Amino acid sequence: MSSSPSFSGERRHWWLSNRKIVEKYVKDARVLIATHDNSEIAGAVNLLDAALAISPRLETALELKARSLLYLRRFKDVADMLQDYIPSYKMMCDESSSSLSSEISSSNQLSKERVKLLSDNSGSNRDPSFKCFSVADLKKKVMAGLCRNCEKEGQWRYLVLGQACCHLGLMEDAMVLLQTGKRLASAAFRRESVCWSDDSFSFTNAAISGEINPNFMPSAPSSSESEGVSQLLANIKLLLRRRTAALAALDAGLHPEAIRHFSKITENRRGTPQAFLAECYIHRAAAYRAAGRIAEAIADCNRTLALDPSSIPALTTRCGLLETIRSYPDCLRDLEHLKLLYDTILRDRKLPGPAWRQHSIRYRDVPGNLRALTAKIQELRQRIGSGEALNVDYYALIGLRRGCTRAELESAHLLLCLRHRPDKSTGFIDRCDFADDRDVETVKDQARMSALLLYRLLQKGYSSIMASVMDEEVAERQKAATAAAAATAAAAAIQVAAAAAAAMPVEEKVEAVVVVEVEEEKERREMLQQQESNGKVFQGVFCRDISVVGNLLSQVGFNRPIPVKYEALSC
């Protein structure tokens, strides 16, 4: 009994010391945050991590850390910290667990049966509190309780996570989170303001779009923060409306309309998040491809890969475009890059990026895609070995018909060169809002290199088509010269004959006319004689046949002789 007070005193002293340490960490973090210096705020994050290591559920430390990460533009860390609140991540988790729904239901049935068996067979000597339960049900209840507690403790998670999701390109998640945060904050503000006096409604200056107020109160956000969230939410809704209109036009086959809507998104001066911009570029590439504008589609794929080098849809689309114009070496290079990505996914046993990142493919489809990709690579290597790599369809690349004129070629080439010049290929980066600490110069170098490859391909196409146009022009000039020479010779002959006829005397002209008439009459008589001879031959053959018939008749008993005139005719 004497040892228990000392043990309780030690335990109380340990608990009080930990609480004081946590309070000291939070207080020092507030001081560092108040400086608004990036290095100091990074140090505050380290202090808050130490505080959360001691007290993981401390709401003040969690909010300070989340807002500090948002101020430092470490949006991925914010998403990793609060990923359980991302709606799309919850849906992905639900879909992954739905494949095991039958197993879970069977396990639940077994657990219920075990409970019944234990309750029926339990004797008086057994502990009545013991029972069999399902771990899955317990996990669901615990997670639901945690979510409810978090909603009661503070609504800042939705606002902070919504801003982070917006910068990460998760626009639908950002809209849902910001709307939920505004609704919960307004409800909390109404509840707290019931008992306030008129002088209590004073607003403090807080941060807009990630700035931190170190002396914040865990209640409703300030007016400046609410205004910043409202502006951000309006921009998100505008971008989503434009993307929805563009996708609807693309599905309806209105490719120019889809290109126009996607161009409004990509040319937004306010700045578009990196992931969302890359997604819009790949959709606009599909619209360009459907419209027959291969060069523009390849350029959009290049921009997407500059923003996201591991974009599988961009590599797949560019491979298809290069195969369409029969540029097999470039297509083979992209297919090998795609194969490396698939091998990396199978090696790591997961899709690239964090768990909350949205992907266009599923992990279970990767082995089948890899087999098809390997067969495609072998086929392209065989084509390149057989010499088909030299038959590039430059007409489809530039967007011209075969047999085009020199003016059409020069106009199309000038327009493409102005759009895809390597020194102007990095303009879209200035309108991009990067979500990570990627080196912007590296992104610009990647975009400039891919644009240079496309520009060289366009120059080769221009030279090849111009050579064909010049050959066609030379052939047309030769044909026109030959026809003109023949016409000139005929006209000269007519003039010479007319001059000769004009120089002849009248008597010779009359004699020439008489000679011509005599020759025409002679030809007419020859034709008549030929027709008469053909008739006699036909008539003689007919008479000989009649005489043969008469002889046959006389042999069978008809002794009537054939008249002499028929015999004469037969001769």
Protein backbone atom coordinates (compact mmCIF):
# COMPACT_ATOMS: atom_id res chain seq x y z
CA MET A 1 0.00 0.00 0.00
CA SER A 2 2.92 2.32 0.63
CA SER A 3 4.32 1.78 -2.87
CA SER A 4 1.15 2.80 -4.68
CA PRO A 5 1.34 6.57 -3.85
CA SER A 6 4.89 6.77 -5.05
CA PHE A 7 4.01 4.99 -8.29
CA SER A 8 1.01 7.25 -8.88
CA GLY A 9 3.17 10.30 -8.15
CA GLU A 10 5.76 9.19 -10.70
CA ARG A 11 3.07 8.57 -13.28
CA ARG A 12 1.50 11.95 -12.63
CA HIS A 13 4.88 13.66 -12.88
CA TRP A 14 5.59 11.87 -16.21
CA TRP A 15 2.25 12.92 -17.62
CA LEU A 16 2.67 16.54 -16.53
CA SER A 17 6.18 16.71 -17.97
CA ASN A 18 4.99 15.40 -21.37
CA ARG A 19 2.17 17.93 -21.42
CA LYS A 20 4.58 20.73 -20.63
CA ILE A 21 6.95 19.55 -23.37
CA VAL A 22 4.12 19.48 -25.90
CA GLU A 23 2.95 22.94 -24.87
CA LYS A 24 6.50 24.26 -25.15
CA TYR A 25 6.87 22.77 -28.65
CA VAL A 26 3.59 24.32 -29.76
CA LYS A 27 4.48 27.69 -28.24
CA ASP A 28 7.90 27.74 -29.95
CA ALA A 29 6.26 26.71 -33.21
CA ARG A 30 3.87 29.65 -32.96
CA VAL A 31 6.80 32.02 -32.49
CA LEU A 32 8.57 30.62 -35.55
CA ILE A 33 5.39 30.74 -37.63
CA ALA A 34 4.88 34.41 -36.74
CA THR A 35 8.11 35.31 -38.58
CA HIS A 36 6.58 34.22 -41.95
CA ASP A 37 9.99 32.97 -43.07
CA ASN A 38 10.13 29.69 -44.95
CA SER A 39 13.13 28.34 -43.09
CA GLU A 40 11.63 29.26 -39.72
CA ILE A 41 8.30 27.70 -40.63
CA ALA A 42 10.13 24.54 -41.68
CA GLY A 43 11.69 24.47 -38.21
CA ALA A 44 8.22 24.93 -36.71
CA VAL A 45 7.04 21.88 -38.64
CA ASN A 46 9.83 19.84 -37.05
CA LEU A 47 8.78 21.03 -33.59
CA LEU A 48 5.17 20.14 -34.33
CA ASP A 49 6.24 16.67 -35.48
CA ALA A 50 7.98 16.20 -32.14
CA ALA A 51 4.86 17.34 -30.33
CA LEU A 52 2.65 14.99 -32.35
CA ALA A 53 5.02 12.11 -31.63
CA ILE A 54 4.15 12.58 -27.94
CA SER A 55 0.49 13.50 -28.42
CA PRO A 56 -0.75 12.28 -31.84
CA ARG A 57 -4.33 13.55 -31.37
CA LEU A 58 -3.49 17.12 -30.34
CA GLU A 59 -5.77 19.24 -32.51
CA THR A 60 -3.79 22.46 -32.20
CA ALA A 61 -0.55 20.83 -33.36
CA LEU A 62 -2.31 19.10 -36.23
CA GLU A 63 -3.83 22.33 -37.51
CA LEU A 64 -0.63 24.30 -37.15
CA LYS A 65 1.31 21.64 -39.02
CA ALA A 66 -1.25 21.41 -41.83
CA ARG A 67 -1.36 25.17 -42.31
CA SER A 68 2.44 25.39 -42.18
CA LEU A 69 2.78 22.74 -44.88
CA LEU A 70 0.21 24.58 -46.97
CA TYR A 71 2.16 27.82 -46.59
CA LEU A 72 5.36 26.04 -47.64
CA ARG A 73 3.50 24.70 -50.73
CA ARG A 74 4.13 21.14 -49.65
CA PHE A 75 0.73 20.07 -50.93
CA LYS A 76 1.61 16.39 -51.22
CA ASP A 77 2.55 16.28 -47.55
CA VAL A 78 -0.80 17.83 -46.67
CA ALA A 79 -2.59 15.21 -48.77
CA ASP A 80 -0.57 12.41 -47.19
CA MET A 81 -1.35 13.77 -43.75
CA LEU A 82 -5.11 14.07 -44.35
CA GLN A 83 -5.67 11.52 -47.11
CA ASP A 84 -8.47 9.80 -45.19
CA TYR A 85 -10.62 12.88 -45.87
CA ILE A 86 -10.12 12.90 -49.69
CA PRO A 87 -13.43 11.74 -51.25
CA SER A 88 -11.87 10.05 -54.28
CA TYR A 89 -9.42 8.18 -52.05
CA LYS A 90 -12.34 6.89 -49.99
CA MET A 91 -14.06 5.74 -53.17
CA MET A 92 -10.93 3.94 -54.34
CA CYS A 93 -10.66 2.21 -51.00
CA ASP A 94 -14.31 1.19 -51.21
CA GLU A 95 -13.83 -0.18 -54.74
CA SER A 96 -10.75 -2.13 -53.68
CA SER A 97 -12.65 -3.59 -50.75
CA SER A 98 -15.74 -4.38 -52.83
CA SER A 99 -13.83 -7.17 -54.61
CA LEU A 100 -13.58 -8.90 -51.22
CA SER A 101 -17.20 -8.26 -50.24
CA SER A 102 -18.18 -11.90 -50.68
CA GLU A 103 -15.32 -13.05 -48.48
CA ILE A 104 -16.17 -10.44 -45.86
CA SER A 105 -19.83 -11.46 -45.87
CA SER A 106 -18.88 -15.11 -45.49
CA SER A 107 -16.54 -14.24 -42.63
CA ASN A 108 -19.34 -12.24 -40.98
CA GLN A 109 -21.65 -15.20 -41.28
CA LEU A 110 -19.02 -17.45 -39.72
CA SER A 111 -18.51 -14.98 -36.88
CA LYS A 112 -22.25 -14.88 -36.21
CA GLU A 113 -22.40 -18.66 -36.22
CA ARG A 114 -19.48 -18.80 -33.79
CA VAL A 115 -21.25 -16.34 -31.52
CA LYS A 116 -24.35 -18.50 -31.56
CA LEU A 117 -22.36 -21.63 -30.88
CA LEU A 118 -20.51 -20.05 -27.99
CA SER A 119 -23.70 -18.67 -26.50
CA ASP A 120 -25.49 -21.99 -26.78
CA ASN A 121 -22.65 -24.17 -25.46
CA SER A 122 -21.38 -21.77 -22.82
CA GLY A 123 -21.72 -23.19 -19.31
CA SER A 124 -22.08 -21.49 -15.98
CA ASN A 125 -18.33 -21.70 -15.34
CA ARG A 126 -17.46 -19.64 -18.50
CA ASP A 127 -16.97 -15.91 -18.60
CA PRO A 128 -20.20 -14.38 -19.95
CA SER A 129 -18.35 -11.35 -21.27
CA PHE A 130 -16.33 -13.41 -23.72
CA LYS A 131 -17.62 -13.56 -27.28
CA CYS A 132 -16.34 -13.84 -30.85
CA PHE A 133 -16.47 -10.69 -32.98
CA SER A 134 -15.51 -9.55 -36.47
CA VAL A 135 -12.39 -7.42 -36.81
CA ALA A 136 -13.75 -5.74 -39.95
CA ASP A 137 -16.85 -4.51 -38.09
CA LEU A 138 -14.70 -3.21 -35.26
CA LYS A 139 -12.45 -1.35 -37.69
CA LYS A 140 -15.45 0.30 -39.36
CA LYS A 141 -16.87 1.41 -36.03
CA VAL A 142 -13.56 2.81 -34.85
CA MET A 143 -12.97 4.73 -38.09
CA ALA A 144 -16.52 6.11 -38.00
CA GLY A 145 -15.97 7.28 -34.42
CA LEU A 146 -12.70 8.93 -35.37
CA CYS A 147 -14.36 10.78 -38.23
CA ARG A 148 -17.15 12.00 -35.97
CA ASN A 149 -14.65 13.15 -33.37
CA CYS A 150 -12.66 15.02 -36.00
CA GLU A 151 -15.76 16.78 -37.22
CA LYS A 152 -16.54 17.83 -33.66
CA GLU A 153 -12.98 18.93 -32.93
CA GLY A 154 -12.45 21.18 -35.96
CA GLN A 155 -13.49 21.84 -39.54
CA TRP A 156 -10.13 23.25 -40.66
CA ARG A 157 -9.26 19.92 -42.28
CA TYR A 158 -11.70 20.46 -45.12
CA LEU A 159 -10.50 23.98 -45.92
CA VAL A 160 -6.79 23.19 -45.74
CA LEU A 161 -7.09 19.88 -47.55
CA GLY A 162 -9.38 21.43 -50.18
CA GLN A 163 -6.76 24.05 -51.03
CA ALA A 164 -4.06 21.37 -51.20
CA CYS A 165 -6.21 19.19 -53.48
CA CYS A 166 -6.82 22.17 -55.76
CA HIS A 167 -3.08 22.70 -56.21
CA LEU A 168 -2.63 18.97 -56.77
CA GLY A 169 -5.17 18.98 -59.60
CA LEU A 170 -7.89 17.04 -57.75
CA MET A 171 -10.56 19.57 -58.67
CA GLU A 172 -13.64 17.51 -57.82
CA ASP A 173 -12.23 16.62 -54.41
CA ALA A 174 -11.23 20.24 -53.78
CA MET A 175 -14.73 21.49 -54.62
CA VAL A 176 -16.39 18.98 -52.29
CA LEU A 177 -13.96 19.67 -49.45
CA LEU A 178 -14.15 23.45 -49.70
CA GLN A 179 -17.94 23.43 -49.87
CA THR A 180 -18.11 21.10 -46.86
CA GLY A 181 -15.63 23.23 -44.93
CA LYS A 182 -17.54 26.42 -45.64
CA ARG A 183 -20.82 24.81 -44.61
CA LEU A 184 -19.42 23.38 -41.38
CA ALA A 185 -17.62 26.63 -40.54
CA SER A 186 -20.76 28.67 -41.11
CA ALA A 187 -22.79 26.32 -38.93
CA ALA A 188 -20.20 26.48 -36.15
CA PHE A 189 -20.06 30.27 -36.40
CA ARG A 190 -23.84 30.50 -36.10
CA ARG A 191 -23.83 28.25 -33.05
CA GLU A 192 -21.10 30.24 -31.32
CA SER A 193 -22.48 33.66 -32.21
CA VAL A 194 -25.84 33.08 -30.52
CA CYS A 195 -24.52 34.22 -27.15
CA TRP A 196 -22.21 36.97 -28.44
CA SER A 197 -22.83 40.65 -28.06
CA ASP A 198 -22.67 43.12 -30.91
CA ASP A 199 -19.13 44.18 -29.95
CA SER A 200 -17.84 40.62 -30.13
CA PHE A 201 -17.99 40.41 -33.96
CA SER A 202 -14.41 41.51 -34.64
CA PHE A 203 -12.37 39.80 -37.30
CA THR A 204 -8.67 39.07 -37.13
CA ASN A 205 -6.28 39.23 -40.04
CA ALA A 206 -5.61 35.72 -41.18
CA ALA A 207 -3.98 34.15 -44.13
CA ILE A 208 -5.30 33.95 -47.58
CA SER A 209 -4.42 30.90 -49.65
CA GLY A 210 -2.14 29.33 -47.08
CA GLU A 211 -0.89 32.17 -44.86
CA ILE A 212 -0.86 31.43 -41.16
CA ASN A 213 -2.18 33.31 -38.20
CA PRO A 214 -0.19 31.97 -35.23
CA ASN A 215 -2.78 33.23 -32.76
CA PHE A 216 -5.71 31.56 -34.48
CA MET A 217 -8.78 30.35 -32.67
CA PRO A 218 -10.11 26.93 -33.66
CA SER A 219 -13.50 28.36 -34.61
CA ALA A 220 -14.87 29.79 -37.84
CA PRO A 221 -12.37 31.18 -40.34
CA SER A 222 -11.76 34.90 -40.66
CA SER A 223 -13.26 37.10 -43.34
CA SER A 224 -10.08 37.23 -45.45
CA GLU A 225 -9.70 33.45 -45.40
CA SER A 226 -13.37 32.98 -46.27
CA GLU A 227 -12.99 35.40 -49.16
CA GLY A 228 -9.91 33.56 -50.43
CA VAL A 229 -11.69 30.22 -50.19
CA SER A 230 -14.70 31.65 -52.06
CA GLN A 231 -12.50 32.94 -54.88
CA LEU A 232 -10.66 29.64 -55.10
CA LEU A 233 -13.95 27.74 -55.16
CA ALA A 234 -15.29 29.98 -57.95
CA ASN A 235 -12.16 29.35 -60.03
CA ILE A 236 -12.48 25.60 -59.48
CA LYS A 237 -16.11 25.62 -60.61
CA LEU A 238 -15.21 27.63 -63.72
CA LEU A 239 -12.45 25.18 -64.70
CA LEU A 240 -14.71 22.19 -64.11
CA ARG A 241 -17.52 23.71 -66.20
CA ARG A 242 -15.17 24.35 -69.09
CA ARG A 243 -13.72 20.87 -68.92
CA THR A 244 -17.19 19.34 -68.80
CA ALA A 245 -18.26 21.34 -71.86
CA ALA A 246 -15.09 20.33 -73.70
CA LEU A 247 -15.53 16.63 -72.94
CA ALA A 248 -19.18 16.78 -73.99
CA ALA A 249 -18.22 18.40 -77.30
CA LEU A 250 -15.52 15.77 -77.81
CA ASP A 251 -17.98 12.93 -77.19
CA ALA A 252 -20.47 14.54 -79.57
CA GLY A 253 -17.88 14.78 -82.36
CA LEU A 254 -17.65 18.60 -82.26
CA HIS A 255 -13.87 18.65 -82.31
CA PRO A 256 -13.32 22.39 -82.99
CA GLU A 257 -15.65 23.23 -80.11
CA ALA A 258 -13.78 20.87 -77.78
CA ILE A 259 -10.46 22.37 -78.84
CA ARG A 260 -11.79 25.86 -78.14
CA HIS A 261 -12.91 24.97 -74.60
CA PHE A 262 -9.67 23.18 -73.76
CA SER A 263 -7.69 26.14 -75.11
CA LYS A 264 -9.53 28.45 -72.72
CA ILE A 265 -8.36 26.27 -69.82
CA THR A 266 -4.75 26.03 -70.99
CA GLU A 267 -4.51 29.78 -71.66
CA ASN A 268 -5.85 30.77 -68.25
CA ARG A 269 -3.71 33.63 -66.94
CA ARG A 270 -4.53 32.98 -63.31
CA GLY A 271 -2.59 29.74 -63.33
CA THR A 272 -3.86 26.19 -63.72
CA PRO A 273 -2.69 23.33 -61.46
CA GLN A 274 -0.08 21.09 -63.00
CA ALA A 275 -1.98 17.80 -62.94
CA PHE A 276 -5.22 19.38 -64.19
CA LEU A 277 -3.36 21.18 -66.99
CA ALA A 278 -1.65 17.96 -68.09
CA GLU A 279 -5.04 16.21 -68.17
CA CYS A 280 -6.52 18.97 -70.33
CA TYR A 281 -3.56 18.79 -72.73
CA ILE A 282 -4.00 15.05 -73.25
CA HIS A 283 -7.74 15.50 -73.89
CA ARG A 284 -7.04 18.30 -76.38
CA ALA A 285 -4.53 16.02 -78.11
CA ALA A 286 -7.35 13.51 -78.61
CA ALA A 287 -9.51 16.27 -80.10
CA TYR A 288 -6.70 17.37 -82.42
CA ARG A 289 -6.16 13.78 -83.52
CA ALA A 290 -9.83 13.30 -84.30
CA ALA A 291 -9.76 16.56 -86.31
CA GLY A 292 -6.77 15.35 -88.37
CA ARG A 293 -4.26 17.84 -86.91
CA ILE A 294 -1.44 15.45 -86.11
CA ALA A 295 1.28 18.02 -85.42
CA GLU A 296 -0.81 19.86 -82.82
CA ALA A 297 -1.73 16.56 -81.15
CA ILE A 298 1.94 15.55 -80.88
CA ALA A 299 2.78 18.99 -79.44
CA ASP A 300 0.13 18.59 -76.71
CA CYS A 301 1.50 15.14 -75.84
CA ASN A 302 4.96 16.70 -75.55
CA ARG A 303 3.62 19.32 -73.14
CA THR A 304 1.92 16.65 -71.04
CA LEU A 305 5.12 14.61 -70.79
CA ALA A 306 7.09 17.72 -69.85
CA LEU A 307 4.69 18.29 -66.94
CA ASP A 308 4.38 14.60 -66.03
CA PRO A 309 7.15 12.33 -67.46
CA SER A 310 5.37 9.19 -66.20
CA SER A 311 2.06 9.92 -67.94
CA ILE A 312 1.05 6.62 -69.53
CA PRO A 313 -1.90 8.09 -71.53
CA ALA A 314 0.38 10.72 -73.10
CA LEU A 315 2.95 8.12 -74.15
CA THR A 316 0.24 5.84 -75.53
CA THR A 317 -1.37 8.66 -77.52
CA ARG A 318 1.93 9.86 -78.96
CA CYS A 319 2.85 6.29 -79.96
CA GLY A 320 -0.41 6.02 -81.87
CA LEU A 321 0.15 9.36 -83.60
CA LEU A 322 3.69 8.48 -84.67
CA GLU A 323 2.51 5.11 -85.95
CA THR A 324 -0.23 6.86 -87.94
CA ILE A 325 2.33 8.89 -89.88
CA ARG A 326 4.65 5.83 -90.12
CA SER A 327 7.46 7.38 -88.06
CA TYR A 328 8.42 4.00 -86.68
CA PRO A 329 11.79 4.83 -84.98
CA ASP A 330 10.20 7.56 -82.82
CA CYS A 331 7.24 5.32 -82.08
CA LEU A 332 9.59 2.52 -81.03
CA ARG A 333 11.40 4.86 -78.63
CA ASP A 334 8.13 5.79 -76.91
CA LEU A 335 7.05 2.15 -76.69
CA GLU A 336 10.30 1.21 -74.98
CA HIS A 337 9.79 4.07 -72.50
CA LEU A 338 6.28 2.80 -71.84
CA LYS A 339 7.61 -0.70 -71.30
CA LEU A 340 10.02 0.61 -68.67
CA LEU A 341 7.11 2.23 -66.83
CA TYR A 342 5.13 -1.02 -66.86
CA ASP A 343 8.17 -2.96 -65.60
CA THR A 344 8.58 -0.45 -62.77
CA ILE A 345 4.92 -0.85 -61.79
CA LEU A 346 5.24 -4.65 -61.68
CA ARG A 347 8.50 -4.39 -59.72
CA ASP A 348 7.06 -2.03 -57.10
CA ARG A 349 3.71 -3.86 -57.09
CA LYS A 350 1.83 -0.54 -57.18
CA LEU A 351 1.00 2.30 -59.52
CA PRO A 352 3.41 5.25 -59.54
CA GLY A 353 2.83 8.12 -57.17
CA PRO A 354 1.01 8.31 -53.83
CA ALA A 355 -2.03 6.25 -52.98
CA TRP A 356 -4.48 9.14 -53.46
CA ARG A 357 -3.30 9.93 -57.00
CA GLN A 358 -5.87 9.25 -59.72
CA HIS A 359 -4.73 6.91 -62.51
CA SER A 360 -6.21 6.07 -65.89
CA ILE A 361 -5.21 2.40 -65.65
CA ARG A 362 -5.64 -0.31 -63.07
CA TYR A 363 -2.91 -2.47 -61.65
CA ARG A 364 -4.53 -5.71 -62.76
CA ASP A 365 -4.50 -4.51 -66.40
CA VAL A 366 -0.73 -3.92 -66.46
CA PRO A 367 0.40 -7.54 -67.25
CA GLY A 368 -1.92 -7.78 -70.26
CA ASN A 369 -0.87 -4.36 -71.51
CA LEU A 370 2.78 -5.33 -71.12
CA ARG A 371 2.34 -8.48 -73.23
CA ALA A 372 0.60 -6.53 -75.99
CA LEU A 373 3.30 -3.88 -75.80
CA THR A 374 6.08 -6.45 -76.19
CA ALA A 375 4.43 -7.88 -79.31
CA LYS A 376 4.03 -4.37 -80.74
CA ILE A 377 7.71 -3.61 -80.17
CA GLN A 378 8.74 -6.77 -82.04
CA GLU A 379 6.44 -5.90 -84.93
CA LEU A 380 7.88 -2.39 -85.23
CA ARG A 381 11.43 -3.72 -85.18
CA GLN A 382 10.58 -6.03 -88.06
CA ARG A 383 9.10 -3.13 -90.03
CA ILE A 384 12.15 -1.00 -89.42
CA GLY A 385 14.39 -3.87 -90.49
CA SER A 386 12.44 -4.29 -93.73
CA GLY A 387 12.98 -0.62 -94.63
CA GLU A 388 9.51 0.77 -93.90
CA ALA A 389 10.94 3.48 -91.65
CA LEU A 390 11.67 5.69 -94.66
CA ASN A 391 8.03 5.94 -95.81
CA VAL A 392 6.89 8.69 -93.46
CA ASP A 393 3.52 10.20 -94.33
CA TYR A 394 4.45 13.87 -94.16
CA TYR A 395 1.16 14.91 -95.77
CA ALA A 396 -0.76 13.62 -92.74
CA LEU A 397 1.74 15.25 -90.38
CA ILE A 398 1.35 18.71 -91.91
CA GLY A 399 -2.34 18.24 -92.69
CA LEU A 400 -2.26 18.53 -96.51
CA ARG A 401 -3.82 16.56 -99.32
CA ARG A 402 -1.70 14.79 -101.90
CA GLY A 403 -1.22 16.94 -104.96
CA CYS A 404 -1.36 20.19 -103.03
CA THR A 405 0.01 23.40 -104.52
CA ARG A 406 3.11 25.27 -103.51
CA ALA A 407 1.03 28.05 -101.94
CA GLU A 408 -0.89 25.60 -99.73
CA LEU A 409 2.31 23.95 -98.58
CA GLU A 410 4.04 27.21 -97.73
CA SER A 411 1.01 28.54 -95.86
CA ALA A 412 0.63 25.37 -93.75
CA HIS A 413 4.37 25.17 -93.06
CA LEU A 414 4.57 28.80 -91.98
CA LEU A 415 1.63 28.39 -89.60
CA LEU A 416 3.10 25.24 -88.03
CA CYS A 417 6.53 26.81 -87.63
CA LEU A 418 5.07 29.82 -85.86
CA ARG A 419 3.18 27.55 -83.46
CA HIS A 420 5.88 24.98 -82.75
CA ARG A 421 9.10 26.94 -82.73
CA PRO A 422 11.45 25.53 -80.04
CA ASP A 423 12.11 28.96 -78.52
CA LYS A 424 8.35 29.45 -77.99
CA SER A 425 7.63 25.95 -76.70
CA THR A 426 7.99 26.85 -73.01
CA GLY A 427 5.32 29.55 -72.81
CA PHE A 428 2.77 27.20 -71.27
CA ILE A 429 5.01 26.63 -68.23
CA ASP A 430 4.50 30.24 -67.12
CA ARG A 431 0.74 29.55 -66.86
CA CYS A 432 1.24 26.38 -64.80
CA ASP A 433 0.91 26.12 -61.02
CA PHE A 434 3.42 23.46 -59.96
CA ALA A 435 2.43 21.29 -57.03
CA ASP A 436 5.91 20.10 -56.08
CA ASP A 437 9.44 21.41 -55.91
CA ARG A 438 10.38 20.39 -59.43
CA ASP A 439 13.06 22.42 -61.11
CA VAL A 440 11.29 24.66 -63.61
CA GLU A 441 14.39 24.82 -65.79
CA THR A 442 14.39 21.03 -66.09
CA VAL A 443 10.76 21.12 -67.24
CA LYS A 444 11.59 23.82 -69.78
CA ASP A 445 14.55 21.82 -71.12
CA GLN A 446 12.33 18.76 -71.55
CA ALA A 447 9.67 20.79 -73.36
CA ARG A 448 12.27 22.48 -75.56
CA MET A 449 13.88 19.16 -76.52
CA SER A 450 10.61 17.49 -77.52
CA ALA A 451 9.57 20.61 -79.45
CA LEU A 452 12.89 20.56 -81.31
CA LEU A 453 12.29 16.95 -82.41
CA LEU A 454 8.84 17.88 -83.70
CA TYR A 455 10.23 20.96 -85.47
CA ARG A 456 12.87 18.89 -87.25
CA LEU A 457 10.23 16.38 -88.32
CA LEU A 458 8.17 19.25 -89.75
CA GLN A 459 11.19 20.57 -91.65
CA LYS A 460 11.83 17.13 -93.14
CA GLY A 461 8.20 16.93 -94.16
CA TYR A 462 8.36 20.38 -95.78
CA SER A 463 11.48 19.44 -97.78
CA SER A 464 10.00 16.13 -98.92
CA ILE A 465 6.65 17.57 -99.97
CA MET A 466 8.33 20.55 -101.64
CA ALA A 467 10.47 18.18 -103.74
CA SER A 468 7.32 16.32 -104.84
CA VAL A 469 5.57 19.59 -105.65
CA MET A 470 8.54 20.77 -107.72
CA ASP A 471 8.64 17.49 -109.65
CA GLU A 472 4.93 17.80 -110.39
CA GLU A 473 5.41 21.39 -111.53
CA VAL A 474 8.27 20.36 -113.87
CA ALA A 475 6.16 17.54 -115.36
CA GLU A 476 3.22 19.90 -115.88
CA ARG A 477 5.47 22.47 -117.55
CA GLN A 478 6.88 19.84 -119.91
CA LYS A 479 3.41 18.61 -120.79
CA ALA A 480 2.19 22.14 -121.40
CA ALA A 481 5.24 22.86 -123.57
CA THR A 482 4.65 19.74 -125.67
CA ALA A 483 0.99 20.58 -126.17
CA ALA A 484 1.87 24.17 -127.08
CA ALA A 485 4.48 22.98 -129.62
CA ALA A 486 1.97 20.60 -131.25
CA ALA A 487 -0.63 23.34 -131.45
CA THR A 488 1.90 25.73 -132.95
CA ALA A 489 2.93 23.18 -135.59
CA ALA A 490 -0.68 22.51 -136.55
CA ALA A 491 -1.40 26.21 -136.79
CA ALA A 492 1.70 26.70 -138.97
CA ALA A 493 0.68 23.88 -141.30
CA ILE A 494 -2.78 25.38 -141.68
CA GLN A 495 -1.28 28.76 -142.42
CA VAL A 496 1.09 27.28 -145.02
CA ALA A 497 -1.76 25.40 -146.73
CA ALA A 498 -3.89 28.51 -146.73
CA ALA A 499 -1.07 30.57 -148.14
CA ALA A 500 -0.37 28.00 -150.84
CA ALA A 501 -4.05 27.85 -151.77
CA ALA A 502 -4.20 31.61 -151.94
CA ALA A 503 -1.16 31.73 -154.25
CA MET A 504 -2.55 29.19 -156.79
CA PRO A 505 -4.15 30.44 -160.12
CA VAL A 506 -7.87 30.03 -160.76
CA GLU A 507 -7.42 27.28 -163.39
CA GLU A 508 -5.32 25.19 -161.02
CA LYS A 509 -7.87 25.65 -158.25
CA VAL A 510 -10.62 24.37 -160.60
CA GLU A 511 -8.52 21.41 -161.63
CA ALA A 512 -7.77 20.60 -157.99
CA VAL A 513 -11.47 20.68 -157.17
CA VAL A 514 -12.24 18.41 -160.13
CA VAL A 515 -9.53 15.98 -159.10
CA VAL A 516 -10.90 15.84 -155.60
CA GLU A 517 -14.42 15.23 -156.85
CA VAL A 518 -13.19 12.46 -159.18
CA GLU A 519 -11.35 10.76 -156.36
CA GLU A 520 -14.39 10.97 -154.10
CA GLU A 521 -16.58 9.47 -156.86
CA LYS A 522 -14.09 6.70 -157.41
CA GLU A 523 -14.07 5.85 -153.73
CA ARG A 524 -17.86 5.83 -153.70
CA ARG A 525 -18.00 3.36 -156.62
CA GLU A 526 -15.46 1.07 -154.96
CA MET A 527 -17.56 0.97 -151.88
CA LEU A 528 -20.70 0.09 -153.88
CA GLN A 529 -18.89 -2.68 -155.75
CA GLN A 530 -17.62 -4.12 -152.52
CA GLN A 531 -21.16 -4.17 -151.10
CA GLU A 532 -22.52 -5.90 -154.25
CA SER A 533 -19.81 -8.52 -154.18
CA ASN A 534 -20.62 -9.27 -150.56
CA GLY A 535 -24.29 -9.72 -151.53
CA LYS A 536 -23.45 -12.08 -154.44
CA VAL A 537 -21.28 -14.22 -152.26
CA PHE A 538 -24.10 -14.50 -149.79
CA GLN A 539 -26.61 -15.27 -152.56
CA GLY A 540 -24.35 -17.93 -154.18
CA VAL A 541 -23.86 -19.70 -150.89
CA PHE A 542 -27.60 -19.70 -150.36
CA CYS A 543 -28.26 -21.20 -153.83
CA ARG A 544 -25.68 -23.92 -153.35
CA ASP A 545 -27.37 -24.88 -150.16
CA ILE A 546 -30.74 -25.03 -151.98
CA SER A 547 -29.26 -27.36 -154.66
CA VAL A 548 -27.90 -29.67 -151.99
CA VAL A 549 -31.30 -29.82 -150.39
CA GLY A 550 -32.87 -30.67 -153.76
CA ASN A 551 -30.48 -33.54 -154.35
CA LEU A 552 -31.28 -34.94 -150.95
CA LEU A 553 -35.00 -34.72 -151.70
CA SER A 554 -34.57 -36.55 -155.02
CA GLN A 555 -32.71 -39.33 -153.27
CA VAL A 556 -35.59 -39.97 -150.88
CA GLY A 557 -38.22 -40.25 -153.61
CA PHE A 558 -38.95 -36.77 -154.63
CA ASN A 559 -37.87 -36.98 -158.29
CA ARG A 560 -38.75 -33.48 -159.16
CA PRO A 561 -35.78 -31.90 -160.86
CA ILE A 562 -34.47 -28.58 -159.69
CA PRO A 563 -35.08 -25.75 -162.17
CA VAL A 564 -32.22 -24.69 -164.36
CA LYS A 565 -32.30 -21.09 -163.17
CA TYR A 566 -31.35 -22.15 -159.66
CA GLU A 567 -28.42 -24.09 -161.03
CA ALA A 568 -27.39 -21.03 -162.97
CA LEU A 569 -27.67 -18.93 -159.86
CA SER A 570 -25.64 -21.44 -157.91
CA CYS A 571 -22.87 -21.07 -160.41
